[in-house]
Amino acid sequence: MIDAFSQVSLPQISTVARRTSLAALAIGGIAVIALGLTGHALVGMGVCLGLAMALGNFRLISRATVKASTSGNPDTRRPLALNTLGRMGVITVIAFGLVFLSRPLGFGTLVGLAAFQF
């Protein structure tokens, strides 16, 4: 897996990030329209919320990686791992909290989070 990313240069990573953001925006828009027309508007909003949380996490991971690589600290794995673990924990608590508060919104959020991973 790591060998696959060693072939990608820094400008290409920003292009991939831009495409990922645009794809998330398109999927969110399609979800809101399609699910709104079928009477499941809360699920569509949840998909958008899940995509937004995943995209925010993606951006924060990118920033943390750049910060760690420029820090000069030889051991950057531990801070990155703890940082990522904390964000993933917060996202998980929010998603499951939404499932308990409003099932359509919560399950839509989980679908949005999962869709972003694909």
N, C-alpha and C. Protein backbone atom coordinates (compact mmCIF):
# COMPACT_ATOMS: atom_id res chain seq x y z
N MET A 1 0.83 -1.19 0.00
CA MET A 1 0.00 0.00 0.00
C MET A 1 0.87 1.25 0.00
N ILE A 2 1.89 1.28 0.81
CA ILE A 2 2.76 2.44 0.89
C ILE A 2 3.49 2.63 -0.43
N ASP A 3 3.85 1.56 -1.10
CA ASP A 3 4.53 1.68 -2.39
C ASP A 3 3.65 2.40 -3.41
N ALA A 4 2.34 2.25 -3.29
CA ALA A 4 1.44 2.92 -4.23
C ALA A 4 1.52 4.43 -4.07
N PHE A 5 1.68 4.92 -2.84
CA PHE A 5 1.75 6.35 -2.61
C PHE A 5 3.13 6.92 -2.85
N SER A 6 4.15 6.09 -2.91
CA SER A 6 5.49 6.60 -3.17
C SER A 6 5.63 7.09 -4.61
N GLN A 7 4.74 6.68 -5.49
CA GLN A 7 4.77 7.10 -6.89
C GLN A 7 4.08 8.45 -7.10
N VAL A 8 3.40 8.96 -6.07
CA VAL A 8 2.61 10.18 -6.20
C VAL A 8 3.44 11.35 -5.67
N SER A 9 3.56 12.41 -6.48
CA SER A 9 4.30 13.59 -6.05
C SER A 9 3.37 14.53 -5.29
N LEU A 10 3.95 15.54 -4.64
CA LEU A 10 3.18 16.46 -3.83
C LEU A 10 2.12 17.22 -4.63
N PRO A 11 2.40 17.75 -5.82
CA PRO A 11 1.33 18.41 -6.59
C PRO A 11 0.19 17.45 -6.95
N GLN A 12 0.52 16.19 -7.19
CA GLN A 12 -0.53 15.22 -7.51
C GLN A 12 -1.41 14.95 -6.31
N ILE A 13 -0.85 15.01 -5.10
CA ILE A 13 -1.65 14.79 -3.89
C ILE A 13 -2.69 15.89 -3.75
N SER A 14 -2.32 17.14 -4.04
CA SER A 14 -3.31 18.22 -3.96
C SER A 14 -4.39 18.05 -5.01
N THR A 15 -4.04 17.51 -6.16
CA THR A 15 -5.04 17.23 -7.20
C THR A 15 -5.99 16.14 -6.74
N VAL A 16 -5.44 15.11 -6.12
CA VAL A 16 -6.28 14.03 -5.60
C VAL A 16 -7.20 14.56 -4.51
N ALA A 17 -6.68 15.42 -3.64
CA ALA A 17 -7.50 16.01 -2.57
C ALA A 17 -8.62 16.86 -3.16
N ARG A 18 -8.33 17.61 -4.20
CA ARG A 18 -9.35 18.45 -4.84
C ARG A 18 -10.43 17.58 -5.47
N ARG A 19 -10.01 16.52 -6.15
CA ARG A 19 -10.99 15.61 -6.76
C ARG A 19 -11.84 14.92 -5.70
N THR A 20 -11.22 14.57 -4.60
CA THR A 20 -11.96 13.93 -3.51
C THR A 20 -13.01 14.89 -2.96
N SER A 21 -12.64 16.13 -2.78
CA SER A 21 -13.59 17.13 -2.27
C SER A 21 -14.74 17.35 -3.24
N LEU A 22 -14.43 17.44 -4.51
CA LEU A 22 -15.49 17.64 -5.51
C LEU A 22 -16.40 16.42 -5.61
N ALA A 23 -15.83 15.23 -5.51
CA ALA A 23 -16.65 14.01 -5.53
C ALA A 23 -17.57 13.96 -4.31
N ALA A 24 -17.06 14.35 -3.14
CA ALA A 24 -17.89 14.37 -1.93
C ALA A 24 -19.03 15.38 -2.08
N LEU A 25 -18.73 16.53 -2.66
CA LEU A 25 -19.76 17.54 -2.89
C LEU A 25 -20.83 17.01 -3.84
N ALA A 26 -20.42 16.35 -4.90
CA ALA A 26 -21.37 15.81 -5.87
C ALA A 26 -22.22 14.71 -5.24
N ILE A 27 -21.60 13.81 -4.50
CA ILE A 27 -22.36 12.73 -3.86
C ILE A 27 -23.35 13.30 -2.85
N GLY A 28 -22.92 14.30 -2.10
CA GLY A 28 -23.83 14.94 -1.14
C GLY A 28 -25.01 15.60 -1.81
N GLY A 29 -24.76 16.31 -2.89
CA GLY A 29 -25.85 16.95 -3.62
C GLY A 29 -26.83 15.95 -4.20
N ILE A 30 -26.29 14.90 -4.79
CA ILE A 30 -27.16 13.85 -5.35
C ILE A 30 -27.97 13.19 -4.25
N ALA A 31 -27.34 12.94 -3.10
CA ALA A 31 -28.04 12.29 -1.98
C ALA A 31 -29.18 13.16 -1.47
N VAL A 32 -28.93 14.45 -1.31
CA VAL A 32 -29.99 15.34 -0.81
C VAL A 32 -31.15 15.39 -1.79
N ILE A 33 -30.86 15.52 -3.06
CA ILE A 33 -31.94 15.61 -4.06
C ILE A 33 -32.70 14.29 -4.17
N ALA A 34 -31.96 13.19 -4.34
CA ALA A 34 -32.62 11.89 -4.55
C ALA A 34 -33.40 11.46 -3.31
N LEU A 35 -32.79 11.60 -2.14
CA LEU A 35 -33.48 11.16 -0.93
C LEU A 35 -34.58 12.14 -0.52
N GLY A 36 -34.40 13.42 -0.85
CA GLY A 36 -35.46 14.40 -0.58
C GLY A 36 -36.69 14.13 -1.42
N LEU A 37 -36.48 13.73 -2.67
CA LEU A 37 -37.62 13.42 -3.55
C LEU A 37 -38.35 12.15 -3.13
N THR A 38 -37.65 11.25 -2.47
CA THR A 38 -38.29 10.01 -2.02
C THR A 38 -38.84 10.11 -0.60
N GLY A 39 -38.75 11.30 -0.01
CA GLY A 39 -39.32 11.49 1.32
C GLY A 39 -38.37 11.16 2.47
N HIS A 40 -37.10 11.06 2.18
CA HIS A 40 -36.11 10.75 3.22
C HIS A 40 -35.07 11.87 3.30
N ALA A 41 -35.55 13.08 3.49
CA ALA A 41 -34.67 14.25 3.48
C ALA A 41 -33.65 14.20 4.62
N LEU A 42 -34.05 13.68 5.79
CA LEU A 42 -33.10 13.60 6.90
C LEU A 42 -31.93 12.66 6.60
N VAL A 43 -32.21 11.59 5.89
CA VAL A 43 -31.13 10.67 5.51
C VAL A 43 -30.17 11.39 4.57
N GLY A 44 -30.70 12.15 3.64
CA GLY A 44 -29.86 12.91 2.72
C GLY A 44 -29.01 13.94 3.44
N MET A 45 -29.60 14.61 4.42
CA MET A 45 -28.83 15.57 5.22
C MET A 45 -27.76 14.85 6.03
N GLY A 46 -28.08 13.66 6.52
CA GLY A 46 -27.10 12.87 7.25
C GLY A 46 -25.94 12.46 6.37
N VAL A 47 -26.24 12.08 5.13
CA VAL A 47 -25.16 11.73 4.19
C VAL A 47 -24.24 12.94 4.00
N CYS A 48 -24.82 14.10 3.83
CA CYS A 48 -24.00 15.32 3.67
C CYS A 48 -23.19 15.60 4.93
N LEU A 49 -23.79 15.40 6.09
CA LEU A 49 -23.07 15.61 7.35
C LEU A 49 -21.92 14.63 7.50
N GLY A 50 -22.14 13.37 7.16
CA GLY A 50 -21.08 12.37 7.22
C GLY A 50 -19.96 12.67 6.25
N LEU A 51 -20.31 13.09 5.05
CA LEU A 51 -19.29 13.47 4.07
C LEU A 51 -18.50 14.69 4.56
N ALA A 52 -19.19 15.64 5.16
CA ALA A 52 -18.51 16.84 5.67
C ALA A 52 -17.56 16.49 6.81
N MET A 53 -17.99 15.62 7.71
CA MET A 53 -17.10 15.22 8.81
C MET A 53 -15.88 14.47 8.28
N ALA A 54 -16.10 13.58 7.33
CA ALA A 54 -14.99 12.82 6.77
C ALA A 54 -14.04 13.74 6.00
N LEU A 55 -14.58 14.70 5.28
CA LEU A 55 -13.75 15.64 4.54
C LEU A 55 -12.96 16.53 5.50
N GLY A 56 -13.59 16.95 6.58
CA GLY A 56 -12.88 17.73 7.60
C GLY A 56 -11.75 16.93 8.22
N ASN A 57 -12.00 15.66 8.50
CA ASN A 57 -10.97 14.79 9.04
C ASN A 57 -9.82 14.63 8.04
N PHE A 58 -10.16 14.48 6.79
CA PHE A 58 -9.16 14.36 5.73
C PHE A 58 -8.26 15.59 5.69
N ARG A 59 -8.87 16.77 5.78
CA ARG A 59 -8.10 18.01 5.76
C ARG A 59 -7.20 18.13 6.99
N LEU A 60 -7.72 17.74 8.15
CA LEU A 60 -6.93 17.82 9.37
C LEU A 60 -5.76 16.83 9.35
N ILE A 61 -5.98 15.66 8.78
CA ILE A 61 -4.90 14.68 8.64
C ILE A 61 -3.82 15.24 7.72
N SER A 62 -4.23 15.87 6.64
CA SER A 62 -3.26 16.47 5.71
C SER A 62 -2.43 17.54 6.41
N ARG A 63 -3.08 18.41 7.16
CA ARG A 63 -2.36 19.46 7.88
C ARG A 63 -1.41 18.89 8.91
N ALA A 64 -1.88 17.89 9.67
CA ALA A 64 -1.03 17.30 10.70
C ALA A 64 0.18 16.61 10.09
N THR A 65 0.00 15.98 8.93
CA THR A 65 1.10 15.31 8.26
C THR A 65 2.14 16.31 7.79
N VAL A 66 1.69 17.41 7.22
CA VAL A 66 2.62 18.45 6.77
C VAL A 66 3.35 19.05 7.97
N LYS A 67 2.63 19.31 9.04
CA LYS A 67 3.24 19.88 10.24
C LYS A 67 4.28 18.92 10.82
N ALA A 68 3.95 17.64 10.87
CA ALA A 68 4.88 16.66 11.43
C ALA A 68 6.11 16.49 10.54
N SER A 69 5.93 16.57 9.24
CA SER A 69 7.07 16.39 8.34
C SER A 69 8.02 17.58 8.36
N THR A 70 7.53 18.76 8.70
CA THR A 70 8.38 19.94 8.75
C THR A 70 8.90 20.24 10.16
N SER A 71 8.48 19.46 11.16
CA SER A 71 8.87 19.75 12.53
C SER A 71 10.32 19.39 12.83
N GLY A 72 10.87 18.45 12.08
CA GLY A 72 12.24 18.03 12.33
C GLY A 72 12.35 16.97 13.41
N ASN A 73 11.25 16.61 14.02
CA ASN A 73 11.23 15.56 15.04
C ASN A 73 11.35 14.20 14.35
N PRO A 74 12.32 13.37 14.76
CA PRO A 74 12.49 12.08 14.06
C PRO A 74 11.37 11.09 14.31
N ASP A 75 10.68 11.20 15.46
CA ASP A 75 9.59 10.26 15.76
C ASP A 75 8.26 10.99 15.66
N THR A 76 7.65 10.97 14.48
CA THR A 76 6.38 11.67 14.28
C THR A 76 5.19 10.72 14.24
N ARG A 77 5.44 9.43 14.31
CA ARG A 77 4.32 8.49 14.21
C ARG A 77 3.39 8.57 15.40
N ARG A 78 3.94 8.66 16.60
CA ARG A 78 3.11 8.66 17.80
C ARG A 78 2.17 9.86 17.85
N PRO A 79 2.66 11.11 17.68
CA PRO A 79 1.72 12.24 17.70
C PRO A 79 0.66 12.14 16.60
N LEU A 80 1.07 11.70 15.41
CA LEU A 80 0.09 11.57 14.32
C LEU A 80 -0.96 10.53 14.65
N ALA A 81 -0.52 9.41 15.22
CA ALA A 81 -1.46 8.34 15.55
C ALA A 81 -2.43 8.78 16.64
N LEU A 82 -1.93 9.44 17.67
CA LEU A 82 -2.81 9.91 18.75
C LEU A 82 -3.77 10.97 18.27
N ASN A 83 -3.28 11.85 17.42
CA ASN A 83 -4.12 12.90 16.85
C ASN A 83 -5.25 12.29 16.01
N THR A 84 -4.89 11.34 15.17
CA THR A 84 -5.88 10.69 14.32
C THR A 84 -6.86 9.88 15.14
N LEU A 85 -6.36 9.18 16.14
CA LEU A 85 -7.23 8.38 17.00
C LEU A 85 -8.24 9.27 17.73
N GLY A 86 -7.79 10.42 18.19
CA GLY A 86 -8.70 11.35 18.86
C GLY A 86 -9.79 11.86 17.93
N ARG A 87 -9.41 12.23 16.71
CA ARG A 87 -10.42 12.71 15.75
C ARG A 87 -11.40 11.62 15.40
N MET A 88 -10.89 10.42 15.18
CA MET A 88 -11.79 9.30 14.85
C MET A 88 -12.75 9.00 16.00
N GLY A 89 -12.26 9.14 17.22
CA GLY A 89 -13.13 8.94 18.39
C GLY A 89 -14.24 9.97 18.45
N VAL A 90 -13.91 11.22 18.19
CA VAL A 90 -14.92 12.29 18.20
C VAL A 90 -15.95 12.06 17.10
N ILE A 91 -15.48 11.71 15.92
CA ILE A 91 -16.40 11.46 14.81
C ILE A 91 -17.32 10.28 15.13
N THR A 92 -16.78 9.24 15.73
CA THR A 92 -17.58 8.07 16.09
C THR A 92 -18.64 8.44 17.12
N VAL A 93 -18.26 9.20 18.14
CA VAL A 93 -19.23 9.61 19.18
C VAL A 93 -20.34 10.46 18.56
N ILE A 94 -19.97 11.38 17.68
CA ILE A 94 -20.98 12.21 17.02
C ILE A 94 -21.92 11.36 16.18
N ALA A 95 -21.37 10.44 15.39
CA ALA A 95 -22.20 9.62 14.51
C ALA A 95 -23.15 8.73 15.30
N PHE A 96 -22.64 8.06 16.33
CA PHE A 96 -23.52 7.20 17.12
C PHE A 96 -24.49 8.01 17.96
N GLY A 97 -24.09 9.19 18.41
CA GLY A 97 -25.02 10.06 19.11
C GLY A 97 -26.18 10.47 18.22
N LEU A 98 -25.88 10.75 16.95
CA LEU A 98 -26.95 11.09 16.01
C LEU A 98 -27.86 9.90 15.74
N VAL A 99 -27.30 8.68 15.72
CA VAL A 99 -28.13 7.49 15.52
C VAL A 99 -29.14 7.37 16.65
N PHE A 100 -28.70 7.64 17.88
CA PHE A 100 -29.61 7.53 19.02
C PHE A 100 -30.61 8.68 19.07
N LEU A 101 -30.23 9.87 18.60
CA LEU A 101 -31.14 11.02 18.62
C LEU A 101 -32.15 10.98 17.48
N SER A 102 -31.66 10.70 16.30
CA SER A 102 -32.52 10.66 15.11
C SER A 102 -31.98 9.58 14.18
N ARG A 103 -32.68 8.47 14.14
CA ARG A 103 -32.17 7.35 13.34
C ARG A 103 -31.94 7.68 11.87
N PRO A 104 -32.84 8.34 11.19
CA PRO A 104 -32.58 8.64 9.77
C PRO A 104 -31.33 9.51 9.59
N LEU A 105 -31.21 10.54 10.42
CA LEU A 105 -30.06 11.43 10.32
C LEU A 105 -28.77 10.69 10.68
N GLY A 106 -28.82 9.88 11.73
CA GLY A 106 -27.64 9.14 12.17
C GLY A 106 -27.18 8.10 11.17
N PHE A 107 -28.12 7.34 10.64
CA PHE A 107 -27.74 6.33 9.65
C PHE A 107 -27.27 6.99 8.35
N GLY A 108 -27.85 8.10 8.00
CA GLY A 108 -27.36 8.84 6.84
C GLY A 108 -25.93 9.31 7.06
N THR A 109 -25.63 9.74 8.28
CA THR A 109 -24.27 10.17 8.62
C THR A 109 -23.30 9.00 8.48
N LEU A 110 -23.69 7.84 8.97
CA LEU A 110 -22.83 6.66 8.83
C LEU A 110 -22.61 6.30 7.37
N VAL A 111 -23.66 6.41 6.57
CA VAL A 111 -23.52 6.14 5.13
C VAL A 111 -22.58 7.14 4.48
N GLY A 112 -22.70 8.41 4.86
CA GLY A 112 -21.80 9.44 4.32
C GLY A 112 -20.35 9.18 4.69
N LEU A 113 -20.11 8.78 5.94
CA LEU A 113 -18.75 8.45 6.37
C LEU A 113 -18.20 7.26 5.58
N ALA A 114 -19.04 6.26 5.39
CA ALA A 114 -18.61 5.07 4.64
C ALA A 114 -18.39 5.41 3.16
N ALA A 115 -19.27 6.23 2.59
CA ALA A 115 -19.14 6.59 1.18
C ALA A 115 -17.83 7.35 0.93
N PHE A 116 -17.43 8.18 1.88
CA PHE A 116 -16.19 8.93 1.71
C PHE A 116 -14.99 7.98 1.65
N GLN A 117 -15.05 6.89 2.37
CA GLN A 117 -13.93 5.96 2.38
C GLN A 117 -13.76 5.26 1.04
N PHE A 118 -14.85 5.12 0.28
CA PHE A 118 -14.76 4.50 -1.04
C PHE A 118 -14.20 5.48 -2.02
